[in-house]
């Protein structure tokens, strides 16, 4: 998961790592939300592989674990991600998982 921030910055989309023990979300630090900003979900399998997971949402909202915050180095526009993904964070907090 050390590359999560780089992936989020490169694709300008949230990146979510799904593991049995923990889930993490990384948000872009330089770009804000756009029309094409669906999260990228990566699922850890067999202890050493990552695969792209196709996550279904509930009423159009996909669950999103709370993000790893790097607010000191995020641009002003990038800080708008939190409000953009708020419904997904609430869905995850309710226990609607993947």
C-alpha atoms as a PDB file:
ATOM      1  CA  UNK A   1       0.000   0.000   0.000  1.00  0.00           C
ATOM      2  CA  UNK A   2       3.028   2.278  -0.031  1.00  0.00           C
ATOM      3  CA  UNK A   3       2.123   3.171  -3.617  1.00  0.00           C
ATOM      4  CA  UNK A   4      -1.487   4.128  -2.874  1.00  0.00           C
ATOM      5  CA  UNK A   5      -0.844   7.852  -2.867  1.00  0.00           C
ATOM      6  CA  UNK A   6       1.106   7.702  -6.132  1.00  0.00           C
ATOM      7  CA  UNK A   7      -1.680   5.731  -7.837  1.00  0.00           C
ATOM      8  CA  UNK A   8      -4.350   8.178  -6.623  1.00  0.00           C
ATOM      9  CA  UNK A   9      -2.294  11.156  -7.819  1.00  0.00           C
ATOM     10  CA  UNK A  10      -1.551   9.567 -11.212  1.00  0.00           C
ATOM     11  CA  UNK A  11      -5.126   8.556 -12.043  1.00  0.00           C
ATOM     12  CA  UNK A  12      -6.698  11.510 -10.181  1.00  0.00           C
ATOM     13  CA  UNK A  13      -9.197   9.155  -8.540  1.00  0.00           C
ATOM     14  CA  UNK A  14      -9.600   7.669  -5.068  1.00  0.00           C
ATOM     15  CA  UNK A  15      -7.754   4.372  -4.630  1.00  0.00           C
ATOM     16  CA  UNK A  16      -9.123   1.883  -2.120  1.00  0.00           C
ATOM     17  CA  UNK A  17      -7.133  -1.099  -0.892  1.00  0.00           C
ATOM     18  CA  UNK A  18      -9.291  -3.964   0.384  1.00  0.00           C
ATOM     19  CA  UNK A  19      -7.667  -6.388   2.819  1.00  0.00           C
ATOM     20  CA  UNK A  20      -9.162  -8.781   5.356  1.00  0.00           C
ATOM     21  CA  UNK A  21      -7.450  -7.001   8.256  1.00  0.00           C
ATOM     22  CA  UNK A  22      -7.824  -3.408   7.091  1.00  0.00           C
ATOM     23  CA  UNK A  23      -9.052  -1.172   4.278  1.00  0.00           C
ATOM     24  CA  UNK A  24      -7.455   2.111   3.226  1.00  0.00           C
ATOM     25  CA  UNK A  25      -8.468   4.944   0.927  1.00  0.00           C
ATOM     26  CA  UNK A  26      -6.037   7.335  -0.741  1.00  0.00           C
ATOM     27  CA  UNK A  27      -7.235  10.576  -2.332  1.00  0.00           C
ATOM     28  CA  UNK A  28      -5.441  12.648  -4.990  1.00  0.00           C
ATOM     29  CA  UNK A  29      -3.410  15.504  -3.524  1.00  0.00           C
ATOM     30  CA  UNK A  30      -3.324  17.842  -6.532  1.00  0.00           C
ATOM     31  CA  UNK A  31      -6.647  17.421  -8.366  1.00  0.00           C
ATOM     32  CA  UNK A  32     -10.245  17.685  -7.258  1.00  0.00           C
ATOM     33  CA  UNK A  33     -13.212  15.498  -8.211  1.00  0.00           C
ATOM     34  CA  UNK A  34     -14.321  15.347 -11.844  1.00  0.00           C
ATOM     35  CA  UNK A  35     -17.100  13.590 -13.760  1.00  0.00           C
ATOM     36  CA  UNK A  36     -14.863  10.536 -14.335  1.00  0.00           C
ATOM     37  CA  UNK A  37     -13.691   9.953 -10.770  1.00  0.00           C
ATOM     38  CA  UNK A  38     -15.048   6.548  -9.777  1.00  0.00           C
ATOM     39  CA  UNK A  39     -12.843   4.951  -7.107  1.00  0.00           C
ATOM     40  CA  UNK A  40     -10.340   2.253  -8.031  1.00  0.00           C
ATOM     41  CA  UNK A  41     -10.806  -0.756  -5.724  1.00  0.00           C
ATOM     42  CA  UNK A  42      -7.839  -3.130  -5.351  1.00  0.00           C
ATOM     43  CA  UNK A  43      -8.399  -6.446  -3.557  1.00  0.00           C
ATOM     44  CA  UNK A  44      -5.526  -8.306  -1.857  1.00  0.00           C
ATOM     45  CA  UNK A  45      -5.638 -12.048  -2.624  1.00  0.00           C
ATOM     46  CA  UNK A  46      -3.472 -15.061  -1.816  1.00  0.00           C
ATOM     47  CA  UNK A  47      -1.253 -12.974   0.449  1.00  0.00           C
ATOM     48  CA  UNK A  48       0.786 -11.503  -2.391  1.00  0.00           C
ATOM     49  CA  UNK A  49      -1.402 -10.350  -5.306  1.00  0.00           C
ATOM     50  CA  UNK A  50      -3.677  -7.389  -6.038  1.00  0.00           C
ATOM     51  CA  UNK A  51      -6.641  -7.578  -8.385  1.00  0.00           C
ATOM     52  CA  UNK A  52      -9.087  -4.954  -9.599  1.00  0.00           C
ATOM     53  CA  UNK A  53     -12.367  -5.385  -7.705  1.00  0.00           C
ATOM     54  CA  UNK A  54     -15.696  -4.402  -9.225  1.00  0.00           C
ATOM     55  CA  UNK A  55     -17.674  -3.070  -6.263  1.00  0.00           C
ATOM     56  CA  UNK A  56     -21.436  -2.677  -6.438  1.00  0.00           C
ATOM     57  CA  UNK A  57     -23.029   0.280  -4.758  1.00  0.00           C
ATOM     58  CA  UNK A  58     -26.249   0.752  -2.840  1.00  0.00           C
ATOM     59  CA  UNK A  59     -28.564   3.304  -4.449  1.00  0.00           C
ATOM     60  CA  UNK A  60     -25.647   4.485  -6.585  1.00  0.00           C
ATOM     61  CA  UNK A  61     -23.282   4.949  -3.627  1.00  0.00           C
ATOM     62  CA  UNK A  62     -20.254   2.691  -3.123  1.00  0.00           C
ATOM     63  CA  UNK A  63     -18.814   2.110   0.369  1.00  0.00           C
ATOM     64  CA  UNK A  64     -15.546   3.963   0.952  1.00  0.00           C
ATOM     65  CA  UNK A  65     -13.321   3.411   4.002  1.00  0.00           C
ATOM     66  CA  UNK A  66     -12.117   6.578   5.760  1.00  0.00           C
ATOM     67  CA  UNK A  67      -9.194   8.059   3.805  1.00  0.00           C
ATOM     68  CA  UNK A  68      -5.559   8.305   4.802  1.00  0.00           C
ATOM     69  CA  UNK A  69      -5.243  12.062   5.254  1.00  0.00           C
ATOM     70  CA  UNK A  70      -2.379  14.184   3.939  1.00  0.00           C
ATOM     71  CA  UNK A  71      -4.074  17.552   4.302  1.00  0.00           C
ATOM     72  CA  UNK A  72      -0.863  19.528   4.869  1.00  0.00           C
ATOM     73  CA  UNK A  73       0.320  18.896   1.312  1.00  0.00           C
ATOM     74  CA  UNK A  74      -3.036  18.720  -0.495  1.00  0.00           C
ATOM     75  CA  UNK A  75      -4.082  21.598  -2.730  1.00  0.00           C
ATOM     76  CA  UNK A  76      -7.205  23.575  -1.941  1.00  0.00           C
ATOM     77  CA  UNK A  77      -9.169  21.894  -4.767  1.00  0.00           C
ATOM     78  CA  UNK A  78      -8.000  18.419  -3.652  1.00  0.00           C
ATOM     79  CA  UNK A  79      -9.452  19.026  -0.198  1.00  0.00           C
ATOM     80  CA  UNK A  80     -12.936  18.937  -1.768  1.00  0.00           C
ATOM     81  CA  UNK A  81     -12.616  15.140  -2.119  1.00  0.00           C
ATOM     82  CA  UNK A  82     -13.861  14.619   1.434  1.00  0.00           C
ATOM     83  CA  UNK A  83     -17.228  16.191   0.732  1.00  0.00           C
ATOM     84  CA  UNK A  84     -17.410  14.347  -2.602  1.00  0.00           C
ATOM     85  CA  UNK A  85     -16.994  10.889  -0.993  1.00  0.00           C
ATOM     86  CA  UNK A  86     -18.909  11.598   2.230  1.00  0.00           C
ATOM     87  CA  UNK A  87     -21.916   9.393   1.338  1.00  0.00           C
ATOM     88  CA  UNK A  88     -19.596   6.456   0.645  1.00  0.00           C
ATOM     89  CA  UNK A  89     -17.811   6.957   3.975  1.00  0.00           C
ATOM     90  CA  UNK A  90     -21.176   6.960   5.793  1.00  0.00           C
ATOM     91  CA  UNK A  91     -22.227   3.798   3.956  1.00  0.00           C
ATOM     92  CA  UNK A  92     -18.984   2.083   4.997  1.00  0.00           C
ATOM     93  CA  UNK A  93     -19.457   3.255   8.606  1.00  0.00           C
ATOM     94  CA  UNK A  94     -22.943   1.682   8.647  1.00  0.00           C
ATOM     95  CA  UNK A  95     -21.331  -1.675   7.976  1.00  0.00           C
ATOM     96  CA  UNK A  96     -22.223  -1.993   4.303  1.00  0.00           C
ATOM     97  CA  UNK A  97     -19.033  -3.627   3.115  1.00  0.00           C
ATOM     98  CA  UNK A  98     -17.738  -5.046  -0.107  1.00  0.00           C
END
